[in-house]
Amino acid sequence: MSLRILLADDHEIVREGLRSLLEKQPDMEVIAEAENGRTTVALSRKFKPDVVIMDITMPDLNGIEATRQIVTESPRVKVLALSMHSTRKLVTEMLNAGASGYLLKHSAFEELGRALHTVMDNQIYLSPKIANIVVDDYRFARAKTPSALSTLTNREREVLQLLAEGKSTKRIASSLHVSISTVESHRKQIMDRLGLYSIAELTKYAISEGLTSLDT
């Protein structure tokens, strides 16, 4: 039986390359592709893949928040992060969100194959180049003082990312299927909790926390 895979990356050329390599494997099948986190969540809900290969810095909803939603809704679905970033914060946040593995994009395809089979065996896979950093950080993550970001709800983190990406209140309300007043209420709550008082400050904070990036 083939391993059913959902590819999530905002760069089409990356998705095309991965699809081409994966579909050459007799036991793997790419069932869907997504260019942002929100679409990834929707497609995961629809198709129930075995594994989601997830980029982190995607527009509209980043890979960390998308992973958190997918794992919460469908614990059976495995998420394997595939990113060019190896910072301690992003790796830890991704694992805390529920990812079963973290692989760097410059890894050889053979390593991706090993990673996919490892997570399907209900084990954690970490790229060897970042394993030592991740293990040390993950081991003591519970003892660390929570960041201000952890005080926000999942929906508030979504709104924060969208605000930082320059989306208008009206557009955010439409995207999240809520009223404009609800978005304004979330924005006020976010600012109050983080102690930030302008969109510029929110944007800078969101980038520093890995919710979005300048090149998204």
N, C-alpha and C. Protein backbone atom coordinates (compact mmCIF):
# COMPACT_ATOMS: atom_id res chain seq x y z
N MET A 1 0.84 -1.19 0.00
CA MET A 1 0.00 0.00 0.00
C MET A 1 0.88 1.25 0.00
N SER A 2 0.60 2.20 -0.88
CA SER A 2 1.42 3.38 -1.03
C SER A 2 1.27 4.35 0.13
N LEU A 3 2.37 5.03 0.44
CA LEU A 3 2.36 6.09 1.44
C LEU A 3 1.75 7.33 0.79
N ARG A 4 0.65 7.83 1.33
CA ARG A 4 -0.08 8.96 0.74
C ARG A 4 0.46 10.27 1.32
N ILE A 5 0.98 11.13 0.44
CA ILE A 5 1.73 12.31 0.86
C ILE A 5 1.07 13.60 0.36
N LEU A 6 1.01 14.59 1.25
CA LEU A 6 0.57 15.93 0.90
C LEU A 6 1.78 16.85 0.95
N LEU A 7 2.07 17.56 -0.15
CA LEU A 7 3.20 18.47 -0.21
C LEU A 7 2.75 19.90 0.08
N ALA A 8 3.43 20.58 0.99
CA ALA A 8 3.09 21.96 1.33
C ALA A 8 4.34 22.82 1.25
N ASP A 9 4.39 23.69 0.23
CA ASP A 9 5.51 24.60 0.04
C ASP A 9 5.03 25.74 -0.85
N ASP A 10 5.43 26.97 -0.53
CA ASP A 10 4.93 28.09 -1.32
C ASP A 10 5.71 28.30 -2.62
N HIS A 11 6.72 27.49 -2.87
CA HIS A 11 7.47 27.56 -4.12
C HIS A 11 7.11 26.38 -5.02
N GLU A 12 6.50 26.70 -6.15
CA GLU A 12 6.02 25.66 -7.05
C GLU A 12 7.15 24.76 -7.54
N ILE A 13 8.31 25.34 -7.80
CA ILE A 13 9.42 24.56 -8.31
C ILE A 13 9.89 23.51 -7.30
N VAL A 14 9.78 23.86 -6.01
CA VAL A 14 10.14 22.90 -4.97
C VAL A 14 9.14 21.75 -4.95
N ARG A 15 7.85 22.08 -5.04
CA ARG A 15 6.82 21.04 -5.05
C ARG A 15 6.97 20.13 -6.26
N GLU A 16 7.24 20.72 -7.42
CA GLU A 16 7.39 19.92 -8.63
C GLU A 16 8.57 18.97 -8.51
N GLY A 17 9.68 19.46 -7.95
CA GLY A 17 10.86 18.61 -7.78
C GLY A 17 10.61 17.47 -6.82
N LEU A 18 9.95 17.78 -5.71
CA LEU A 18 9.64 16.74 -4.73
C LEU A 18 8.67 15.71 -5.30
N ARG A 19 7.64 16.20 -5.98
CA ARG A 19 6.67 15.28 -6.57
C ARG A 19 7.35 14.32 -7.55
N SER A 20 8.21 14.86 -8.39
CA SER A 20 8.91 14.04 -9.38
C SER A 20 9.73 12.95 -8.72
N LEU A 21 10.43 13.30 -7.65
CA LEU A 21 11.27 12.33 -6.95
C LEU A 21 10.43 11.30 -6.19
N LEU A 22 9.41 11.78 -5.50
CA LEU A 22 8.59 10.89 -4.68
C LEU A 22 7.81 9.89 -5.53
N GLU A 23 7.30 10.34 -6.67
CA GLU A 23 6.47 9.45 -7.48
C GLU A 23 7.28 8.40 -8.23
N LYS A 24 8.60 8.49 -8.17
CA LYS A 24 9.44 7.44 -8.71
C LYS A 24 9.59 6.28 -7.74
N GLN A 25 9.15 6.52 -6.50
CA GLN A 25 9.24 5.47 -5.49
C GLN A 25 8.00 4.58 -5.57
N PRO A 26 8.17 3.28 -5.57
CA PRO A 26 7.03 2.38 -5.73
C PRO A 26 6.03 2.40 -4.58
N ASP A 27 6.46 2.88 -3.41
CA ASP A 27 5.58 2.83 -2.24
C ASP A 27 5.13 4.22 -1.80
N MET A 28 5.25 5.22 -2.69
CA MET A 28 4.88 6.58 -2.32
C MET A 28 3.98 7.22 -3.38
N GLU A 29 3.01 8.01 -2.92
CA GLU A 29 2.07 8.67 -3.82
C GLU A 29 1.77 10.07 -3.31
N VAL A 30 1.95 11.09 -4.16
CA VAL A 30 1.60 12.46 -3.81
C VAL A 30 0.14 12.67 -4.17
N ILE A 31 -0.70 12.90 -3.17
CA ILE A 31 -2.14 12.99 -3.41
C ILE A 31 -2.63 14.43 -3.54
N ALA A 32 -1.82 15.41 -3.08
CA ALA A 32 -2.25 16.81 -3.18
C ALA A 32 -1.07 17.72 -2.90
N GLU A 33 -1.20 19.00 -3.31
CA GLU A 33 -0.19 20.01 -3.07
C GLU A 33 -0.85 21.28 -2.55
N ALA A 34 -0.11 22.02 -1.74
CA ALA A 34 -0.63 23.29 -1.20
C ALA A 34 0.47 24.33 -1.20
N GLU A 35 0.07 25.59 -1.44
CA GLU A 35 1.05 26.68 -1.52
C GLU A 35 1.06 27.55 -0.26
N ASN A 36 0.16 27.28 0.68
CA ASN A 36 0.17 28.02 1.95
C ASN A 36 -0.41 27.15 3.05
N GLY A 37 -0.23 27.61 4.28
CA GLY A 37 -0.66 26.81 5.42
C GLY A 37 -2.14 26.57 5.51
N ARG A 38 -2.93 27.58 5.17
CA ARG A 38 -4.38 27.43 5.29
C ARG A 38 -4.91 26.37 4.32
N THR A 39 -4.39 26.40 3.10
CA THR A 39 -4.79 25.39 2.11
C THR A 39 -4.33 24.01 2.55
N THR A 40 -3.17 23.95 3.15
CA THR A 40 -2.65 22.67 3.65
C THR A 40 -3.59 22.05 4.67
N VAL A 41 -4.05 22.88 5.60
CA VAL A 41 -4.99 22.39 6.62
C VAL A 41 -6.27 21.87 5.97
N ALA A 42 -6.79 22.63 5.01
CA ALA A 42 -8.03 22.23 4.33
C ALA A 42 -7.85 20.93 3.55
N LEU A 43 -6.73 20.80 2.85
CA LEU A 43 -6.49 19.58 2.06
C LEU A 43 -6.22 18.37 2.96
N SER A 44 -5.58 18.61 4.09
CA SER A 44 -5.35 17.52 5.03
C SER A 44 -6.67 17.03 5.60
N ARG A 45 -7.56 17.97 5.87
CA ARG A 45 -8.88 17.63 6.37
C ARG A 45 -9.67 16.83 5.32
N LYS A 46 -9.50 17.19 4.07
CA LYS A 46 -10.25 16.56 2.99
C LYS A 46 -9.70 15.18 2.62
N PHE A 47 -8.37 15.08 2.48
CA PHE A 47 -7.79 13.84 1.95
C PHE A 47 -7.22 12.90 3.00
N LYS A 48 -7.00 13.39 4.23
CA LYS A 48 -6.44 12.57 5.30
C LYS A 48 -5.18 11.81 4.84
N PRO A 49 -4.11 12.54 4.49
CA PRO A 49 -2.87 11.89 4.03
C PRO A 49 -2.19 11.14 5.18
N ASP A 50 -1.25 10.29 4.82
CA ASP A 50 -0.44 9.63 5.85
C ASP A 50 0.58 10.61 6.40
N VAL A 51 1.18 11.39 5.49
CA VAL A 51 2.22 12.34 5.88
C VAL A 51 2.03 13.66 5.14
N VAL A 52 2.27 14.75 5.86
CA VAL A 52 2.34 16.07 5.23
C VAL A 52 3.80 16.51 5.28
N ILE A 53 4.39 16.75 4.11
CA ILE A 53 5.74 17.33 4.06
C ILE A 53 5.54 18.84 4.08
N MET A 54 5.95 19.46 5.17
CA MET A 54 5.55 20.84 5.48
C MET A 54 6.71 21.83 5.49
N ASP A 55 6.62 22.86 4.63
CA ASP A 55 7.53 23.99 4.73
C ASP A 55 7.08 24.84 5.92
N ILE A 56 7.95 25.70 6.41
CA ILE A 56 7.60 26.50 7.59
C ILE A 56 7.17 27.91 7.23
N THR A 57 7.98 28.61 6.45
CA THR A 57 7.68 30.01 6.14
C THR A 57 6.81 30.10 4.90
N MET A 58 5.50 29.98 5.11
CA MET A 58 4.52 30.09 4.03
C MET A 58 3.57 31.23 4.33
N PRO A 59 2.99 31.84 3.31
CA PRO A 59 2.07 32.96 3.52
C PRO A 59 0.72 32.54 4.07
N ASP A 60 -0.03 33.51 4.59
CA ASP A 60 -1.40 33.34 5.06
C ASP A 60 -1.47 32.57 6.37
N LEU A 61 -0.85 31.41 6.43
CA LEU A 61 -0.75 30.64 7.68
C LEU A 61 0.56 29.87 7.59
N ASN A 62 1.46 30.09 8.55
CA ASN A 62 2.77 29.45 8.46
C ASN A 62 2.70 27.96 8.81
N GLY A 63 3.79 27.26 8.53
CA GLY A 63 3.82 25.81 8.73
C GLY A 63 3.68 25.37 10.17
N ILE A 64 4.12 26.19 11.09
CA ILE A 64 4.00 25.84 12.51
C ILE A 64 2.54 25.82 12.93
N GLU A 65 1.82 26.89 12.59
CA GLU A 65 0.40 26.95 12.96
C GLU A 65 -0.41 25.92 12.19
N ALA A 66 -0.05 25.69 10.93
CA ALA A 66 -0.76 24.68 10.13
C ALA A 66 -0.55 23.30 10.74
N THR A 67 0.66 23.02 11.19
CA THR A 67 0.96 21.74 11.83
C THR A 67 0.13 21.56 13.10
N ARG A 68 0.07 22.60 13.90
CA ARG A 68 -0.69 22.54 15.16
C ARG A 68 -2.16 22.20 14.89
N GLN A 69 -2.73 22.83 13.86
CA GLN A 69 -4.14 22.58 13.54
C GLN A 69 -4.35 21.17 12.99
N ILE A 70 -3.46 20.73 12.13
CA ILE A 70 -3.59 19.40 11.52
C ILE A 70 -3.49 18.30 12.57
N VAL A 71 -2.48 18.41 13.42
CA VAL A 71 -2.26 17.37 14.44
C VAL A 71 -3.39 17.35 15.46
N THR A 72 -3.94 18.53 15.76
CA THR A 72 -5.06 18.61 16.70
C THR A 72 -6.30 17.94 16.12
N GLU A 73 -6.57 18.21 14.84
CA GLU A 73 -7.75 17.65 14.19
C GLU A 73 -7.58 16.17 13.85
N SER A 74 -6.38 15.80 13.40
CA SER A 74 -6.15 14.43 12.92
C SER A 74 -4.82 13.91 13.45
N PRO A 75 -4.80 13.42 14.68
CA PRO A 75 -3.55 12.95 15.29
C PRO A 75 -2.84 11.85 14.48
N ARG A 76 -3.60 11.14 13.66
CA ARG A 76 -3.00 10.06 12.87
C ARG A 76 -2.10 10.60 11.76
N VAL A 77 -2.37 11.80 11.29
CA VAL A 77 -1.58 12.39 10.21
C VAL A 77 -0.22 12.83 10.74
N LYS A 78 0.86 12.36 10.09
CA LYS A 78 2.20 12.74 10.48
C LYS A 78 2.63 13.98 9.71
N VAL A 79 3.38 14.84 10.36
CA VAL A 79 3.91 16.03 9.70
C VAL A 79 5.44 15.97 9.75
N LEU A 80 6.04 16.09 8.57
CA LEU A 80 7.50 16.13 8.47
C LEU A 80 7.90 17.50 7.95
N ALA A 81 8.58 18.27 8.78
CA ALA A 81 9.02 19.60 8.37
C ALA A 81 10.19 19.48 7.41
N LEU A 82 10.12 20.22 6.32
CA LEU A 82 11.21 20.27 5.35
C LEU A 82 11.50 21.75 5.11
N SER A 83 12.59 22.23 5.69
CA SER A 83 12.84 23.67 5.69
C SER A 83 14.30 23.98 5.40
N MET A 84 14.54 25.20 4.94
CA MET A 84 15.91 25.68 4.75
C MET A 84 16.46 26.28 6.03
N HIS A 85 15.59 26.46 7.03
CA HIS A 85 15.98 27.09 8.29
C HIS A 85 16.30 26.06 9.36
N SER A 86 17.39 26.30 10.09
CA SER A 86 17.78 25.35 11.14
C SER A 86 17.95 26.05 12.49
N THR A 87 17.27 27.19 12.67
CA THR A 87 17.39 27.90 13.93
C THR A 87 16.72 27.13 15.06
N ARG A 88 17.27 27.26 16.23
CA ARG A 88 16.77 26.56 17.40
C ARG A 88 15.29 26.86 17.64
N LYS A 89 14.92 28.14 17.53
CA LYS A 89 13.54 28.54 17.81
C LYS A 89 12.55 27.87 16.86
N LEU A 90 12.82 27.89 15.55
CA LEU A 90 11.89 27.32 14.59
C LEU A 90 11.77 25.82 14.74
N VAL A 91 12.89 25.16 14.95
CA VAL A 91 12.85 23.70 15.11
C VAL A 91 12.05 23.32 16.35
N THR A 92 12.31 24.00 17.45
CA THR A 92 11.60 23.71 18.70
C THR A 92 10.11 23.99 18.57
N GLU A 93 9.77 25.14 17.96
CA GLU A 93 8.36 25.48 17.78
C GLU A 93 7.66 24.44 16.90
N MET A 94 8.34 23.97 15.87
CA MET A 94 7.73 23.00 14.96
C MET A 94 7.48 21.67 15.68
N LEU A 95 8.42 21.23 16.46
CA LEU A 95 8.25 19.99 17.21
C LEU A 95 7.18 20.14 18.28
N ASN A 96 7.16 21.28 18.95
CA ASN A 96 6.14 21.52 19.96
C ASN A 96 4.74 21.59 19.34
N ALA A 97 4.68 21.99 18.09
CA ALA A 97 3.39 22.06 17.38
C ALA A 97 2.87 20.67 17.03
N GLY A 98 3.76 19.67 17.07
CA GLY A 98 3.32 18.31 16.80
C GLY A 98 3.98 17.62 15.63
N ALA A 99 4.98 18.26 15.01
CA ALA A 99 5.68 17.62 13.89
C ALA A 99 6.42 16.38 14.37
N SER A 100 6.47 15.37 13.51
CA SER A 100 7.15 14.13 13.85
C SER A 100 8.60 14.10 13.37
N GLY A 101 8.99 15.13 12.64
CA GLY A 101 10.36 15.17 12.15
C GLY A 101 10.71 16.51 11.56
N TYR A 102 12.01 16.73 11.39
CA TYR A 102 12.51 18.00 10.85
C TYR A 102 13.72 17.70 9.99
N LEU A 103 13.61 18.10 8.72
CA LEU A 103 14.65 17.80 7.73
C LEU A 103 15.03 19.08 7.01
N LEU A 104 16.30 19.24 6.70
CA LEU A 104 16.75 20.42 5.97
C LEU A 104 16.62 20.21 4.47
N LYS A 105 16.29 21.27 3.75
CA LYS A 105 16.01 21.16 2.32
C LYS A 105 17.22 20.75 1.50
N HIS A 106 18.42 21.02 2.01
CA HIS A 106 19.59 20.64 1.22
C HIS A 106 20.00 19.18 1.46
N SER A 107 19.20 18.45 2.21
CA SER A 107 19.49 17.04 2.43
C SER A 107 19.29 16.24 1.14
N ALA A 108 19.96 15.13 1.05
CA ALA A 108 19.80 14.25 -0.12
C ALA A 108 18.43 13.59 -0.08
N PHE A 109 17.93 13.21 -1.26
CA PHE A 109 16.60 12.61 -1.32
C PHE A 109 16.53 11.31 -0.52
N GLU A 110 17.65 10.59 -0.46
CA GLU A 110 17.67 9.33 0.30
C GLU A 110 17.32 9.57 1.76
N GLU A 111 17.76 10.73 2.28
CA GLU A 111 17.45 11.04 3.67
C GLU A 111 15.97 11.34 3.84
N LEU A 112 15.35 11.99 2.85
CA LEU A 112 13.92 12.25 2.91
C LEU A 112 13.15 10.93 2.97
N GLY A 113 13.59 9.96 2.18
CA GLY A 113 12.94 8.65 2.21
C GLY A 113 13.04 8.00 3.58
N ARG A 114 14.22 8.08 4.18
CA ARG A 114 14.40 7.52 5.53
C ARG A 114 13.52 8.24 6.53
N ALA A 115 13.45 9.55 6.38
CA ALA A 115 12.65 10.35 7.32
C ALA A 115 11.17 9.97 7.23
N LEU A 116 10.66 9.81 6.01
CA LEU A 116 9.25 9.45 5.83
C LEU A 116 8.94 8.10 6.47
N HIS A 117 9.79 7.13 6.25
CA HIS A 117 9.55 5.81 6.83
C HIS A 117 9.69 5.84 8.36
N THR A 118 10.61 6.67 8.85
CA THR A 118 10.81 6.77 10.29
C THR A 118 9.57 7.33 10.99
N VAL A 119 9.03 8.43 10.47
CA VAL A 119 7.85 9.02 11.12
C VAL A 119 6.64 8.11 11.00
N MET A 120 6.56 7.34 9.93
CA MET A 120 5.44 6.40 9.79
C MET A 120 5.56 5.23 10.76
N ASP A 121 6.77 5.02 11.29
CA ASP A 121 6.98 4.01 12.33
C ASP A 121 6.79 4.61 13.72
N ASN A 122 6.16 5.79 13.75
CA ASN A 122 5.86 6.49 15.02
C ASN A 122 7.11 6.89 15.79
N GLN A 123 8.16 7.23 15.04
CA GLN A 123 9.39 7.71 15.65
C GLN A 123 9.67 9.13 15.17
N ILE A 124 10.48 9.84 15.94
CA ILE A 124 10.88 11.20 15.57
C ILE A 124 12.11 11.13 14.67
N TYR A 125 12.09 11.90 13.57
CA TYR A 125 13.27 11.97 12.72
C TYR A 125 13.82 13.40 12.74
N LEU A 126 15.11 13.53 13.04
CA LEU A 126 15.77 14.82 13.03
C LEU A 126 16.97 14.74 12.10
N SER A 127 17.11 15.72 11.22
CA SER A 127 18.27 15.77 10.35
C SER A 127 19.54 15.76 11.20
N PRO A 128 20.49 14.90 10.87
CA PRO A 128 21.71 14.80 11.69
C PRO A 128 22.43 16.13 11.91
N LYS A 129 22.32 17.03 10.96
CA LYS A 129 23.04 18.30 11.07
C LYS A 129 22.46 19.22 12.15
N ILE A 130 21.25 18.96 12.58
CA ILE A 130 20.66 19.82 13.61
C ILE A 130 20.24 19.03 14.85
N ALA A 131 20.45 17.72 14.82
CA ALA A 131 19.96 16.86 15.90
C ALA A 131 20.48 17.26 17.27
N ASN A 132 21.78 17.55 17.37
CA ASN A 132 22.34 17.88 18.68
C ASN A 132 21.72 19.14 19.26
N ILE A 133 21.55 20.17 18.43
CA ILE A 133 20.95 21.42 18.89
C ILE A 133 19.51 21.17 19.33
N VAL A 134 18.78 20.43 18.51
CA VAL A 134 17.37 20.20 18.78
C VAL A 134 17.17 19.37 20.04
N VAL A 135 17.93 18.32 20.18
CA VAL A 135 17.77 17.45 21.35
C VAL A 135 18.01 18.22 22.64
N ASP A 136 19.07 19.02 22.67
CA ASP A 136 19.36 19.82 23.87
C ASP A 136 18.22 20.78 24.19
N ASP A 137 17.73 21.45 23.16
CA ASP A 137 16.67 22.43 23.37
C ASP A 137 15.35 21.77 23.74
N TYR A 138 15.02 20.67 23.04
CA TYR A 138 13.76 19.99 23.27
C TYR A 138 13.72 19.37 24.66
N ARG A 139 14.87 18.90 25.12
CA ARG A 139 14.94 18.26 26.44
C ARG A 139 14.59 19.23 27.56
N PHE A 140 15.00 20.47 27.40
CA PHE A 140 14.79 21.46 28.45
C PHE A 140 13.70 22.48 28.12
N ALA A 141 12.96 22.24 27.04
CA ALA A 141 11.94 23.21 26.61
C ALA A 141 10.90 23.45 27.68
N ARG A 142 10.50 22.41 28.39
CA ARG A 142 9.45 22.54 29.40
C ARG A 142 9.89 23.41 30.58
N ALA A 143 11.21 23.45 30.80
CA ALA A 143 11.70 24.21 31.95
C ALA A 143 11.91 25.68 31.62
N LYS A 144 11.82 26.03 30.37
CA LYS A 144 12.06 27.41 29.96
C LYS A 144 10.84 28.29 30.26
N THR A 145 11.11 29.56 30.46
CA THR A 145 10.02 30.51 30.66
C THR A 145 9.25 30.68 29.36
N PRO A 146 7.94 30.50 29.36
CA PRO A 146 7.17 30.64 28.12
C PRO A 146 7.32 32.03 27.52
N SER A 147 7.34 32.09 26.19
CA SER A 147 7.43 33.39 25.52
C SER A 147 6.05 34.05 25.54
N ALA A 148 6.05 35.35 25.27
CA ALA A 148 4.78 36.08 25.24
C ALA A 148 3.85 35.49 24.20
N LEU A 149 4.42 34.92 23.14
CA LEU A 149 3.61 34.35 22.06
C LEU A 149 2.71 33.23 22.59
N SER A 150 3.18 32.51 23.59
CA SER A 150 2.41 31.38 24.12
C SER A 150 1.15 31.84 24.85
N THR A 151 1.06 33.13 25.17
CA THR A 151 -0.14 33.63 25.84
C THR A 151 -1.28 33.88 24.85
N LEU A 152 -0.98 33.86 23.56
CA LEU A 152 -2.00 34.09 22.55
C LEU A 152 -2.72 32.79 22.21
N THR A 153 -3.98 32.90 21.84
CA THR A 153 -4.73 31.73 21.38
C THR A 153 -4.31 31.41 19.95
N ASN A 154 -4.70 30.22 19.46
CA ASN A 154 -4.39 29.84 18.08
C ASN A 154 -4.95 30.87 17.11
N ARG A 155 -6.18 31.33 17.32
CA ARG A 155 -6.78 32.29 16.42
C ARG A 155 -6.04 33.64 16.46
N GLU A 156 -5.60 34.04 17.66
CA GLU A 156 -4.86 35.29 17.77
C GLU A 156 -3.52 35.21 17.05
N ARG A 157 -2.89 34.05 17.08
CA ARG A 157 -1.64 33.89 16.33
C ARG A 157 -1.89 33.98 14.83
N GLU A 158 -3.02 33.42 14.38
CA GLU A 158 -3.39 33.54 12.96
C GLU A 158 -3.57 35.00 12.57
N VAL A 159 -4.31 35.73 13.40
CA VAL A 159 -4.57 37.15 13.12
C VAL A 159 -3.26 37.93 13.13
N LEU A 160 -2.38 37.63 14.08
CA LEU A 160 -1.09 38.31 14.16
C LEU A 160 -0.29 38.12 12.87
N GLN A 161 -0.25 36.89 12.37
CA GLN A 161 0.49 36.64 11.13
C GLN A 161 -0.10 37.43 9.97
N LEU A 162 -1.42 37.39 9.85
CA LEU A 162 -2.07 38.08 8.74
C LEU A 162 -1.87 39.59 8.82
N LEU A 163 -1.93 40.14 10.02
CA LEU A 163 -1.66 41.57 10.19
C LEU A 163 -0.23 41.90 9.78
N ALA A 164 0.70 41.05 10.20
CA ALA A 164 2.11 41.28 9.88
C ALA A 164 2.38 41.17 8.39
N GLU A 165 1.54 40.40 7.69
CA GLU A 165 1.69 40.25 6.24
C GLU A 165 1.00 41.37 5.47
N GLY A 166 0.46 42.35 6.21
CA GLY A 166 -0.12 43.52 5.56
C GLY A 166 -1.57 43.37 5.14
N LYS A 167 -2.24 42.31 5.62
CA LYS A 167 -3.64 42.11 5.25
C LYS A 167 -4.53 43.14 5.97
N SER A 168 -5.53 43.63 5.30
CA SER A 168 -6.47 44.58 5.91
C SER A 168 -7.41 43.84 6.86
N THR A 169 -8.04 44.59 7.75
CA THR A 169 -8.99 44.00 8.68
C THR A 169 -10.13 43.31 7.92
N LYS A 170 -10.61 43.95 6.88
CA LYS A 170 -11.70 43.38 6.08
C LYS A 170 -11.28 42.07 5.43
N ARG A 171 -10.07 42.05 4.90
CA ARG A 171 -9.58 40.83 4.24
C ARG A 171 -9.37 39.70 5.24
N ILE A 172 -8.86 40.04 6.41
CA ILE A 172 -8.66 39.02 7.45
C ILE A 172 -10.00 38.45 7.88
N ALA A 173 -10.99 39.32 8.06
CA ALA A 173 -12.32 38.86 8.46
C ALA A 173 -12.88 37.90 7.42
N SER A 174 -12.70 38.22 6.15
CA SER A 174 -13.20 37.36 5.07
C SER A 174 -12.46 36.03 5.06
N SER A 175 -11.15 36.07 5.24
CA SER A 175 -10.33 34.85 5.22
C SER A 175 -10.68 33.91 6.36
N LEU A 176 -10.95 34.48 7.53
CA LEU A 176 -11.22 33.66 8.71
C LEU A 176 -12.72 33.42 8.93
N HIS A 177 -13.55 34.02 8.07
CA HIS A 177 -15.00 33.86 8.16
C HIS A 177 -15.55 34.36 9.50
N VAL A 178 -15.06 35.54 9.88
CA VAL A 178 -15.55 36.19 11.10
C VAL A 178 -15.88 37.64 10.76
N SER A 179 -16.45 38.36 11.71
CA SER A 179 -16.82 39.76 11.47
C SER A 179 -15.60 40.67 11.62
N ILE A 180 -15.70 41.86 11.05
CA ILE A 180 -14.63 42.84 11.16
C ILE A 180 -14.42 43.22 12.63
N SER A 181 -15.50 43.33 13.38
CA SER A 181 -15.38 43.70 14.80
C SER A 181 -14.64 42.61 15.58
N THR A 182 -14.82 41.36 15.18
CA THR A 182 -14.11 40.26 15.84
C THR A 182 -12.60 40.38 15.60
N VAL A 183 -12.22 40.69 14.36
CA VAL A 183 -10.81 40.87 14.04
C VAL A 183 -10.23 42.04 14.82
N GLU A 184 -10.97 43.12 14.91
CA GLU A 184 -10.51 44.29 15.66
C GLU A 184 -10.34 43.96 17.14
N SER A 185 -11.24 43.13 17.65
CA SER A 185 -11.14 42.71 19.05
C SER A 185 -9.89 41.85 19.25
N HIS A 186 -9.63 40.92 18.31
CA HIS A 186 -8.42 40.10 18.39
C HIS A 186 -7.17 40.97 18.35
N ARG A 187 -7.17 41.97 17.45
CA ARG A 187 -6.00 42.84 17.32
C ARG A 187 -5.73 43.59 18.62
N LYS A 188 -6.77 44.09 19.25
CA LYS A 188 -6.60 44.81 20.52
C LYS A 188 -6.06 43.88 21.60
N GLN A 189 -6.62 42.65 21.63
CA GLN A 189 -6.18 41.68 22.63
C GLN A 189 -4.71 41.31 22.41
N ILE A 190 -4.33 41.15 21.17
CA ILE A 190 -2.94 40.81 20.84
C ILE A 190 -2.01 41.93 21.30
N MET A 191 -2.36 43.15 20.96
CA MET A 191 -1.53 44.29 21.34
C MET A 191 -1.41 44.43 22.85
N ASP A 192 -2.53 44.23 23.55
CA ASP A 192 -2.53 44.33 25.01
C ASP A 192 -1.63 43.27 25.63
N ARG A 193 -1.74 42.04 25.13
CA ARG A 193 -0.97 40.93 25.72
C ARG A 193 0.52 41.04 25.42
N LEU A 194 0.84 41.54 24.23
CA LEU A 194 2.25 41.63 23.84
C LEU A 194 2.88 42.97 24.22
N GLY A 195 2.06 43.93 24.60
CA GLY A 195 2.58 45.24 24.93
C GLY A 195 3.10 45.99 23.71
N LEU A 196 2.44 45.77 22.57
CA LEU A 196 2.82 46.42 21.31
C LEU A 196 1.66 47.30 20.86
N TYR A 197 1.99 48.43 20.22
CA TYR A 197 0.93 49.40 19.98
C TYR A 197 0.87 49.92 18.55
N SER A 198 1.48 49.22 17.62
CA SER A 198 1.38 49.60 16.21
C SER A 198 1.56 48.36 15.34
N ILE A 199 1.08 48.46 14.09
CA ILE A 199 1.23 47.35 13.16
C ILE A 199 2.71 47.09 12.87
N ALA A 200 3.49 48.15 12.84
CA ALA A 200 4.93 48.00 12.59
C ALA A 200 5.58 47.16 13.70
N GLU A 201 5.19 47.42 14.95
CA GLU A 201 5.73 46.65 16.07
C GLU A 201 5.26 45.20 16.01
N LEU A 202 3.99 45.00 15.64
CA LEU A 202 3.46 43.64 15.50
C LEU A 202 4.20 42.88 14.41
N THR A 203 4.46 43.56 13.30
CA THR A 203 5.16 42.93 12.19
C THR A 203 6.57 42.50 12.60
N LYS A 204 7.28 43.39 13.24
CA LYS A 204 8.64 43.08 13.71
C LYS A 204 8.63 41.90 14.67
N TYR A 205 7.65 41.89 15.57
CA TYR A 205 7.54 40.81 16.54
C TYR A 205 7.24 39.47 15.86
N ALA A 206 6.30 39.48 14.91
CA ALA A 206 5.91 38.26 14.20
C ALA A 206 7.09 37.66 13.46
N ILE A 207 7.92 38.52 12.85
CA ILE A 207 9.10 38.04 12.13
C ILE A 207 10.11 37.44 13.11
N SER A 208 10.31 38.10 14.25
CA SER A 208 11.28 37.61 15.24
C SER A 208 10.86 36.28 15.84
N GLU A 209 9.55 36.03 15.88
CA GLU A 209 9.04 34.79 16.45
C GLU A 209 8.87 33.69 15.40
N GLY A 210 9.16 34.00 14.15
CA GLY A 210 9.09 32.99 13.10
C GLY A 210 7.69 32.75 12.55
N LEU A 211 6.73 33.62 12.89
CA LEU A 211 5.38 33.46 12.37
C LEU A 211 5.32 33.78 10.90
N THR A 212 6.16 34.67 10.44
CA THR A 212 6.23 35.04 9.03
C THR A 212 7.64 35.51 8.75
N SER A 213 7.93 35.86 7.49
CA SER A 213 9.26 36.31 7.15
C SER A 213 9.18 37.43 6.13
N LEU A 214 10.26 38.12 5.95
CA LEU A 214 10.28 39.25 5.01
C LEU A 214 10.09 38.81 3.58
N ASP A 215 10.49 37.55 3.27
CA ASP A 215 10.39 37.07 1.88
C ASP A 215 9.15 36.23 1.63
N THR A 216 8.19 36.23 2.58
CA THR A 216 6.95 35.46 2.38
C THR A 216 6.11 36.09 1.27
